[in-house]
C-alpha atoms as a PDB file:
ATOM      1  CA  UNK A   1     133.343 107.879 139.122  1.00  0.00           C
ATOM      2  CA  UNK A   2     131.986 105.139 136.841  1.00  0.00           C
ATOM      3  CA  UNK A   3     129.060 102.931 137.817  1.00  0.00           C
ATOM      4  CA  UNK A   4     128.367  99.821 135.733  1.00  0.00           C
ATOM      5  CA  UNK A   5     124.751  98.937 134.982  1.00  0.00           C
ATOM      6  CA  UNK A   6     125.522  96.497 132.174  1.00  0.00           C
ATOM      7  CA  UNK A   7     128.265  95.677 129.707  1.00  0.00           C
ATOM      8  CA  UNK A   8     127.917  95.624 125.938  1.00  0.00           C
ATOM      9  CA  UNK A   9     129.992  95.457 122.793  1.00  0.00           C
ATOM     10  CA  UNK A  10     130.958  99.014 121.900  1.00  0.00           C
ATOM     11  CA  UNK A  11     132.305  97.994 118.493  1.00  0.00           C
ATOM     12  CA  UNK A  12     128.787  96.923 117.520  1.00  0.00           C
ATOM     13  CA  UNK A  13     127.809 100.587 117.412  1.00  0.00           C
ATOM     14  CA  UNK A  14     131.028 102.249 116.242  1.00  0.00           C
ATOM     15  CA  UNK A  15     134.594 100.961 116.188  1.00  0.00           C
ATOM     16  CA  UNK A  16     135.884 101.818 119.652  1.00  0.00           C
ATOM     17  CA  UNK A  17     139.403 102.441 118.381  1.00  0.00           C
ATOM     18  CA  UNK A  18     138.151 105.108 115.966  1.00  0.00           C
ATOM     19  CA  UNK A  19     135.940 106.570 118.684  1.00  0.00           C
ATOM     20  CA  UNK A  20     138.871 107.085 121.032  1.00  0.00           C
ATOM     21  CA  UNK A  21     141.398 108.119 118.365  1.00  0.00           C
ATOM     22  CA  UNK A  22     139.199 110.886 116.929  1.00  0.00           C
ATOM     23  CA  UNK A  23     138.172 112.416 120.248  1.00  0.00           C
ATOM     24  CA  UNK A  24     140.414 115.464 119.906  1.00  0.00           C
ATOM     25  CA  UNK A  25     139.044 116.221 116.424  1.00  0.00           C
ATOM     26  CA  UNK A  26     135.431 115.918 117.519  1.00  0.00           C
ATOM     27  CA  UNK A  27     135.898 118.054 120.616  1.00  0.00           C
ATOM     28  CA  UNK A  28     137.076 120.941 118.405  1.00  0.00           C
ATOM     29  CA  UNK A  29     134.496 120.471 115.662  1.00  0.00           C
ATOM     30  CA  UNK A  30     131.882 123.262 115.271  1.00  0.00           C
ATOM     31  CA  UNK A  31     129.034 120.762 114.639  1.00  0.00           C
ATOM     32  CA  UNK A  32     129.283 119.098 118.058  1.00  0.00           C
ATOM     33  CA  UNK A  33     129.499 122.435 119.860  1.00  0.00           C
ATOM     34  CA  UNK A  34     126.531 123.798 117.892  1.00  0.00           C
ATOM     35  CA  UNK A  35     124.488 120.719 118.813  1.00  0.00           C
ATOM     36  CA  UNK A  36     125.373 121.179 122.488  1.00  0.00           C
ATOM     37  CA  UNK A  37     124.373 124.851 122.343  1.00  0.00           C
ATOM     38  CA  UNK A  38     121.090 123.973 120.648  1.00  0.00           C
ATOM     39  CA  UNK A  39     120.400 121.403 123.383  1.00  0.00           C
ATOM     40  CA  UNK A  40     121.046 123.886 126.189  1.00  0.00           C
ATOM     41  CA  UNK A  41     118.780 126.481 124.564  1.00  0.00           C
ATOM     42  CA  UNK A  42     116.083 123.845 124.079  1.00  0.00           C
ATOM     43  CA  UNK A  43     116.227 122.852 127.764  1.00  0.00           C
ATOM     44  CA  UNK A  44     115.839 126.476 128.797  1.00  0.00           C
ATOM     45  CA  UNK A  45     112.835 126.957 126.506  1.00  0.00           C
ATOM     46  CA  UNK A  46     111.248 123.826 127.961  1.00  0.00           C
ATOM     47  CA  UNK A  47     111.627 125.259 131.448  1.00  0.00           C
ATOM     48  CA  UNK A  48     114.324 122.794 132.473  1.00  0.00           C
ATOM     49  CA  UNK A  49     116.842 124.858 134.372  1.00  0.00           C
ATOM     50  CA  UNK A  50     119.854 124.110 136.587  1.00  0.00           C
ATOM     51  CA  UNK A  51     120.293 122.159 138.769  1.00  0.00           C
ATOM     52  CA  UNK A  52     117.903 119.736 137.037  1.00  0.00           C
ATOM     53  CA  UNK A  53     119.091 116.135 136.724  1.00  0.00           C
ATOM     54  CA  UNK A  54     119.939 115.340 133.097  1.00  0.00           C
ATOM     55  CA  UNK A  55     121.088 112.004 131.714  1.00  0.00           C
ATOM     56  CA  UNK A  56     123.304 112.283 128.623  1.00  0.00           C
ATOM     57  CA  UNK A  57     122.729 108.812 127.181  1.00  0.00           C
ATOM     58  CA  UNK A  58     125.412 108.013 124.636  1.00  0.00           C
ATOM     59  CA  UNK A  59     127.604 110.827 125.904  1.00  0.00           C
ATOM     60  CA  UNK A  60     130.484 109.857 123.587  1.00  0.00           C
ATOM     61  CA  UNK A  61     133.301 112.392 123.632  1.00  0.00           C
ATOM     62  CA  UNK A  62     131.609 114.458 126.344  1.00  0.00           C
ATOM     63  CA  UNK A  63     130.993 117.719 124.461  1.00  0.00           C
ATOM     64  CA  UNK A  64     127.357 118.013 125.574  1.00  0.00           C
ATOM     65  CA  UNK A  65     128.116 116.598 129.023  1.00  0.00           C
ATOM     66  CA  UNK A  66     130.691 119.328 129.650  1.00  0.00           C
ATOM     67  CA  UNK A  67     128.318 122.007 128.350  1.00  0.00           C
ATOM     68  CA  UNK A  68     125.647 120.813 130.806  1.00  0.00           C
ATOM     69  CA  UNK A  69     128.148 120.878 133.661  1.00  0.00           C
ATOM     70  CA  UNK A  70     129.301 124.386 132.763  1.00  0.00           C
ATOM     71  CA  UNK A  71     125.693 125.601 132.770  1.00  0.00           C
ATOM     72  CA  UNK A  72     125.078 124.242 136.275  1.00  0.00           C
ATOM     73  CA  UNK A  73     122.962 121.166 135.561  1.00  0.00           C
ATOM     74  CA  UNK A  74     123.470 117.893 137.444  1.00  0.00           C
ATOM     75  CA  UNK A  75     124.299 115.637 134.499  1.00  0.00           C
ATOM     76  CA  UNK A  76     125.193 111.968 134.315  1.00  0.00           C
ATOM     77  CA  UNK A  77     127.019 110.627 131.299  1.00  0.00           C
ATOM     78  CA  UNK A  78     126.080 107.160 130.044  1.00  0.00           C
ATOM     79  CA  UNK A  79     127.861 105.200 127.334  1.00  0.00           C
ATOM     80  CA  UNK A  80     128.461 101.612 126.266  1.00  0.00           C
ATOM     81  CA  UNK A  81     132.176 102.243 125.666  1.00  0.00           C
ATOM     82  CA  UNK A  82     134.394 101.718 128.730  1.00  0.00           C
ATOM     83  CA  UNK A  83     137.311 103.270 126.859  1.00  0.00           C
ATOM     84  CA  UNK A  84     135.539 106.553 126.193  1.00  0.00           C
ATOM     85  CA  UNK A  85     134.200 106.669 129.762  1.00  0.00           C
ATOM     86  CA  UNK A  86     137.733 106.187 131.086  1.00  0.00           C
ATOM     87  CA  UNK A  87     138.781 109.259 129.081  1.00  0.00           C
ATOM     88  CA  UNK A  88     136.000 111.299 130.685  1.00  0.00           C
ATOM     89  CA  UNK A  89     136.353 109.964 134.222  1.00  0.00           C
ATOM     90  CA  UNK A  90     137.230 112.256 137.103  1.00  0.00           C
ATOM     91  CA  UNK A  91     136.298 112.248 140.812  1.00  0.00           C
ATOM     92  CA  UNK A  92     133.562 114.903 140.599  1.00  0.00           C
ATOM     93  CA  UNK A  93     131.831 113.453 137.521  1.00  0.00           C
ATOM     94  CA  UNK A  94     129.224 110.669 137.630  1.00  0.00           C
ATOM     95  CA  UNK A  95     129.383 108.305 134.665  1.00  0.00           C
ATOM     96  CA  UNK A  96     127.475 105.128 133.847  1.00  0.00           C
ATOM     97  CA  UNK A  97     128.573 102.208 131.704  1.00  0.00           C
ATOM     98  CA  UNK A  98     125.458 100.640 130.201  1.00  0.00           C
ATOM     99  CA  UNK A  99     124.150  98.944 127.077  1.00  0.00           C
ATOM    100  CA  UNK A 100     120.700 100.301 126.200  1.00  0.00           C
ATOM    101  CA  UNK A 101     119.758  96.972 124.636  1.00  0.00           C
ATOM    102  CA  UNK A 102     120.031  95.251 128.038  1.00  0.00           C
ATOM    103  CA  UNK A 103     117.607  95.393 131.007  1.00  0.00           C
ATOM    104  CA  UNK A 104     118.001  98.269 133.430  1.00  0.00           C
ATOM    105  CA  UNK A 105     118.845  97.649 137.094  1.00  0.00           C
ATOM    106  CA  UNK A 106     116.012  97.334 139.590  1.00  0.00           C
ATOM    107  CA  UNK A 107     115.025 100.630 141.215  1.00  0.00           C
ATOM    108  CA  UNK A 108     117.014 102.527 138.596  1.00  0.00           C
ATOM    109  CA  UNK A 109     117.612 106.259 139.095  1.00  0.00           C
ATOM    110  CA  UNK A 110     115.357 108.514 137.032  1.00  0.00           C
ATOM    111  CA  UNK A 111     115.990 111.983 135.613  1.00  0.00           C
ATOM    112  CA  UNK A 112     114.172 115.228 134.861  1.00  0.00           C
ATOM    113  CA  UNK A 113     115.423 114.953 131.274  1.00  0.00           C
ATOM    114  CA  UNK A 114     117.014 112.131 129.301  1.00  0.00           C
ATOM    115  CA  UNK A 115     118.857 113.208 126.165  1.00  0.00           C
ATOM    116  CA  UNK A 116     120.083 110.739 123.539  1.00  0.00           C
ATOM    117  CA  UNK A 117     121.833 112.669 120.791  1.00  0.00           C
ATOM    118  CA  UNK A 118     122.602 110.560 117.731  1.00  0.00           C
ATOM    119  CA  UNK A 119     122.210 107.266 119.574  1.00  0.00           C
ATOM    120  CA  UNK A 120     119.190 105.240 118.435  1.00  0.00           C
ATOM    121  CA  UNK A 121     120.309 105.079 114.788  1.00  0.00           C
ATOM    122  CA  UNK A 122     123.154 102.830 115.991  1.00  0.00           C
ATOM    123  CA  UNK A 123     120.717 100.191 117.277  1.00  0.00           C
ATOM    124  CA  UNK A 124     118.771  97.553 115.363  1.00  0.00           C
ATOM    125  CA  UNK A 125     115.634  98.035 117.491  1.00  0.00           C
ATOM    126  CA  UNK A 126     115.278 101.770 117.912  1.00  0.00           C
ATOM    127  CA  UNK A 127     111.819 101.485 119.495  1.00  0.00           C
ATOM    128  CA  UNK A 128     113.137  99.236 122.280  1.00  0.00           C
ATOM    129  CA  UNK A 129     115.943 101.726 122.922  1.00  0.00           C
ATOM    130  CA  UNK A 130     113.459 104.615 123.144  1.00  0.00           C
ATOM    131  CA  UNK A 131     111.333 102.598 125.579  1.00  0.00           C
ATOM    132  CA  UNK A 132     114.413 102.097 127.750  1.00  0.00           C
ATOM    133  CA  UNK A 133     115.175 105.807 127.639  1.00  0.00           C
ATOM    134  CA  UNK A 134     111.591 106.439 128.717  1.00  0.00           C
ATOM    135  CA  UNK A 135     112.069 104.285 131.809  1.00  0.00           C
ATOM    136  CA  UNK A 136     114.920 106.580 132.832  1.00  0.00           C
ATOM    137  CA  UNK A 137     112.751 109.708 132.692  1.00  0.00           C
ATOM    138  CA  UNK A 138     110.876 110.664 135.843  1.00  0.00           C
ATOM    139  CA  UNK A 139     107.279 109.390 135.902  1.00  0.00           C
ATOM    140  CA  UNK A 140     104.631 112.051 135.582  1.00  0.00           C
ATOM    141  CA  UNK A 141     106.343 114.452 133.232  1.00  0.00           C
ATOM    142  CA  UNK A 142     110.007 113.586 132.685  1.00  0.00           C
ATOM    143  CA  UNK A 143     111.259 114.506 129.227  1.00  0.00           C
ATOM    144  CA  UNK A 144     113.131 112.493 126.612  1.00  0.00           C
ATOM    145  CA  UNK A 145     114.971 114.379 123.869  1.00  0.00           C
ATOM    146  CA  UNK A 146     116.298 112.362 120.938  1.00  0.00           C
ATOM    147  CA  UNK A 147     118.265 113.509 117.903  1.00  0.00           C
ATOM    148  CA  UNK A 148     119.040 111.410 114.836  1.00  0.00           C
ATOM    149  CA  UNK A 149     120.717 111.843 111.441  1.00  0.00           C
ATOM    150  CA  UNK A 150     118.076 112.762 108.858  1.00  0.00           C
ATOM    151  CA  UNK A 151     117.271 112.061 105.220  1.00  0.00           C
ATOM    152  CA  UNK A 152     117.998 108.518 104.001  1.00  0.00           C
ATOM    153  CA  UNK A 153     119.238 109.992 100.702  1.00  0.00           C
ATOM    154  CA  UNK A 154     122.260 111.348 102.583  1.00  0.00           C
ATOM    155  CA  UNK A 155     123.353 107.929 103.872  1.00  0.00           C
ATOM    156  CA  UNK A 156     127.024 107.377 103.007  1.00  0.00           C
ATOM    157  CA  UNK A 157     130.256 105.657 103.978  1.00  0.00           C
ATOM    158  CA  UNK A 158     130.456 108.164 106.832  1.00  0.00           C
ATOM    159  CA  UNK A 159     127.246 106.711 108.290  1.00  0.00           C
ATOM    160  CA  UNK A 160     128.448 103.148 107.762  1.00  0.00           C
ATOM    161  CA  UNK A 161     131.740 103.770 109.570  1.00  0.00           C
ATOM    162  CA  UNK A 162     129.829 105.254 112.514  1.00  0.00           C
ATOM    163  CA  UNK A 163     127.651 102.154 112.711  1.00  0.00           C
ATOM    164  CA  UNK A 164     124.460 103.899 111.631  1.00  0.00           C
ATOM    165  CA  UNK A 165     121.673 101.497 110.732  1.00  0.00           C
ATOM    166  CA  UNK A 166     119.540 104.230 109.173  1.00  0.00           C
ATOM    167  CA  UNK A 167     118.835 107.911 108.663  1.00  0.00           C
ATOM    168  CA  UNK A 168     115.347 109.216 109.435  1.00  0.00           C
ATOM    169  CA  UNK A 169     112.426 111.209 108.134  1.00  0.00           C
ATOM    170  CA  UNK A 170     109.951 112.760 110.612  1.00  0.00           C
ATOM    171  CA  UNK A 171     107.389 109.944 110.372  1.00  0.00           C
ATOM    172  CA  UNK A 172     110.067 107.313 110.959  1.00  0.00           C
ATOM    173  CA  UNK A 173     111.330 109.116 114.048  1.00  0.00           C
ATOM    174  CA  UNK A 174     107.794 109.414 115.410  1.00  0.00           C
ATOM    175  CA  UNK A 175     107.261 105.679 114.876  1.00  0.00           C
ATOM    176  CA  UNK A 176     110.272 104.947 117.078  1.00  0.00           C
ATOM    177  CA  UNK A 177     108.179 106.304 119.976  1.00  0.00           C
ATOM    178  CA  UNK A 178     105.119 104.104 119.310  1.00  0.00           C
ATOM    179  CA  UNK A 179     104.093 101.954 122.289  1.00  0.00           C
ATOM    180  CA  UNK A 180     106.996 103.211 124.417  1.00  0.00           C
ATOM    181  CA  UNK A 181     104.977 105.004 127.082  1.00  0.00           C
ATOM    182  CA  UNK A 182     106.191 108.357 125.743  1.00  0.00           C
ATOM    183  CA  UNK A 183     104.066 111.048 124.109  1.00  0.00           C
ATOM    184  CA  UNK A 184     105.809 112.952 121.325  1.00  0.00           C
ATOM    185  CA  UNK A 185     105.256 116.687 121.729  1.00  0.00           C
ATOM    186  CA  UNK A 186     107.264 117.938 118.756  1.00  0.00           C
ATOM    187  CA  UNK A 187     109.692 116.949 116.002  1.00  0.00           C
ATOM    188  CA  UNK A 188     111.901 119.499 114.265  1.00  0.00           C
ATOM    189  CA  UNK A 189     114.677 119.686 111.679  1.00  0.00           C
ATOM    190  CA  UNK A 190     118.173 121.033 112.249  1.00  0.00           C
ATOM    191  CA  UNK A 191     121.001 121.727 109.783  1.00  0.00           C
ATOM    192  CA  UNK A 192     119.037 122.808 106.717  1.00  0.00           C
ATOM    193  CA  UNK A 193     121.917 124.946 105.455  1.00  0.00           C
ATOM    194  CA  UNK A 194     124.158 121.855 105.489  1.00  0.00           C
ATOM    195  CA  UNK A 195     121.997 119.748 103.143  1.00  0.00           C
ATOM    196  CA  UNK A 196     123.427 120.996  99.802  1.00  0.00           C
ATOM    197  CA  UNK A 197     126.943 120.879 101.245  1.00  0.00           C
ATOM    198  CA  UNK A 198     126.536 117.263 102.372  1.00  0.00           C
ATOM    199  CA  UNK A 199     125.050 116.288  99.027  1.00  0.00           C
ATOM    200  CA  UNK A 200     128.133 117.586  97.257  1.00  0.00           C
ATOM    201  CA  UNK A 201     130.433 116.084  99.854  1.00  0.00           C
ATOM    202  CA  UNK A 202     128.790 112.657  99.633  1.00  0.00           C
ATOM    203  CA  UNK A 203     129.100 112.675  95.834  1.00  0.00           C
ATOM    204  CA  UNK A 204     132.732 113.778  95.928  1.00  0.00           C
ATOM    205  CA  UNK A 205     134.164 111.944  98.959  1.00  0.00           C
ATOM    206  CA  UNK A 206     134.617 108.284  98.093  1.00  0.00           C
ATOM    207  CA  UNK A 207     136.975 105.942  99.902  1.00  0.00           C
ATOM    208  CA  UNK A 208     140.399 105.797  98.288  1.00  0.00           C
ATOM    209  CA  UNK A 209     142.481 102.669  97.796  1.00  0.00           C
ATOM    210  CA  UNK A 210     144.258 101.710 100.999  1.00  0.00           C
ATOM    211  CA  UNK A 211     142.308 104.230 103.073  1.00  0.00           C
ATOM    212  CA  UNK A 212     141.394 102.891 106.517  1.00  0.00           C
ATOM    213  CA  UNK A 213     137.979 103.502 108.115  1.00  0.00           C
ATOM    214  CA  UNK A 214     139.662 105.852 110.595  1.00  0.00           C
ATOM    215  CA  UNK A 215     141.180 107.836 107.700  1.00  0.00           C
ATOM    216  CA  UNK A 216     137.773 108.078 106.007  1.00  0.00           C
ATOM    217  CA  UNK A 217     136.218 109.274 109.262  1.00  0.00           C
ATOM    218  CA  UNK A 218     138.882 111.956 109.726  1.00  0.00           C
ATOM    219  CA  UNK A 219     138.444 113.083 106.119  1.00  0.00           C
ATOM    220  CA  UNK A 220     134.732 113.635 106.595  1.00  0.00           C
ATOM    221  CA  UNK A 221     135.395 115.585 109.790  1.00  0.00           C
ATOM    222  CA  UNK A 222     137.984 117.836 108.193  1.00  0.00           C
ATOM    223  CA  UNK A 223     137.175 121.518 108.602  1.00  0.00           C
ATOM    224  CA  UNK A 224     138.720 124.004 106.133  1.00  0.00           C
ATOM    225  CA  UNK A 225     141.206 126.519 107.436  1.00  0.00           C
ATOM    226  CA  UNK A 226     140.258 129.785 109.082  1.00  0.00           C
ATOM    227  CA  UNK A 227     137.875 131.571 108.731  1.00  0.00           C
ATOM    228  CA  UNK A 228     135.755 128.518 107.837  1.00  0.00           C
ATOM    229  CA  UNK A 229     135.247 127.464 111.497  1.00  0.00           C
ATOM    230  CA  UNK A 230     133.897 130.926 112.314  1.00  0.00           C
ATOM    231  CA  UNK A 231     131.555 130.842 109.303  1.00  0.00           C
ATOM    232  CA  UNK A 232     130.258 127.415 110.367  1.00  0.00           C
ATOM    233  CA  UNK A 233     129.635 128.690 113.885  1.00  0.00           C
ATOM    234  CA  UNK A 234     127.753 131.707 112.536  1.00  0.00           C
ATOM    235  CA  UNK A 235     125.639 129.570 110.191  1.00  0.00           C
ATOM    236  CA  UNK A 236     124.531 127.352 113.066  1.00  0.00           C
ATOM    237  CA  UNK A 237     123.806 130.378 115.262  1.00  0.00           C
ATOM    238  CA  UNK A 238     121.702 132.096 112.585  1.00  0.00           C
ATOM    239  CA  UNK A 239     119.679 128.933 111.929  1.00  0.00           C
ATOM    240  CA  UNK A 240     119.117 127.918 115.560  1.00  0.00           C
ATOM    241  CA  UNK A 241     116.014 130.089 116.226  1.00  0.00           C
ATOM    242  CA  UNK A 242     114.262 128.698 113.137  1.00  0.00           C
ATOM    243  CA  UNK A 243     115.132 125.133 114.121  1.00  0.00           C
ATOM    244  CA  UNK A 244     113.718 125.598 117.619  1.00  0.00           C
ATOM    245  CA  UNK A 245     110.614 127.252 116.182  1.00  0.00           C
ATOM    246  CA  UNK A 246     110.147 124.171 113.955  1.00  0.00           C
ATOM    247  CA  UNK A 247     109.953 126.265 110.793  1.00  0.00           C
ATOM    248  CA  UNK A 248     112.691 124.447 108.853  1.00  0.00           C
ATOM    249  CA  UNK A 249     111.465 122.114 106.129  1.00  0.00           C
ATOM    250  CA  UNK A 250     114.588 119.974 105.870  1.00  0.00           C
ATOM    251  CA  UNK A 251     117.898 119.368 107.601  1.00  0.00           C
ATOM    252  CA  UNK A 252     120.687 116.911 108.264  1.00  0.00           C
ATOM    253  CA  UNK A 253     119.286 116.067 111.711  1.00  0.00           C
ATOM    254  CA  UNK A 254     115.931 115.642 113.394  1.00  0.00           C
ATOM    255  CA  UNK A 255     115.056 116.232 117.047  1.00  0.00           C
ATOM    256  CA  UNK A 256     112.098 114.772 118.931  1.00  0.00           C
ATOM    257  CA  UNK A 257     110.780 115.921 122.306  1.00  0.00           C
ATOM    258  CA  UNK A 258     108.633 113.431 124.226  1.00  0.00           C
ATOM    259  CA  UNK A 259     107.173 113.237 127.709  1.00  0.00           C
ATOM    260  CA  UNK A 260     106.654 110.344 130.125  1.00  0.00           C
ATOM    261  CA  UNK A 261     103.186 110.902 131.508  1.00  0.00           C
ATOM    262  CA  UNK A 262     102.780 107.554 133.252  1.00  0.00           C
END
């Protein structure tokens, strides 16, 4: 069931045609599943257990949304793209069409946790988006968890095709929470083992003549043949405890945990 809070222009964040066409690739990709697993482990460590209400803001292809459902949470999936929501829609699933740059409805529902994984880098005013996410967290302790692509030196055509405005360093991510009514409790890196790989990939993978944006996107998502997927899964699993302990000194992503105290 889809509820509409507001309508926006999905193509302003990422070409909606590419978003829909690459869904099958993304849903099999080890990176998205590793991020979902990291998120579930993080919720457990924060004491947020099923059947807590969780808003997956920018739910995209639904990988994290489905992981939350399987774990027993009461999730809602929110996205600006009506096409992607239509792909996810089913009678027992609550979905919300909304543009985070637009005002929220009066008496809007609030959640124990609001997660926005790789969302705010798509928006010109990331601080305004974070403030909106904060309004969706329960007053008096609701959590907001945000992840973003990290390290501006890794910005590439892959970012541009996804509609990324920026990649972040820790101080820049913290600044996105300034004057939002949210108190940042921690910021940590994820994907340190991927940094040298992405550096080589960014230097090697340049758009070829006649290559469409969708082709470029698929090329960057290409996973080598078996056993590479298993090795990727193992690398993420080995690194996860260090990421959650905030002992990594670099990474391809950053996570921030913040609390709404007001």
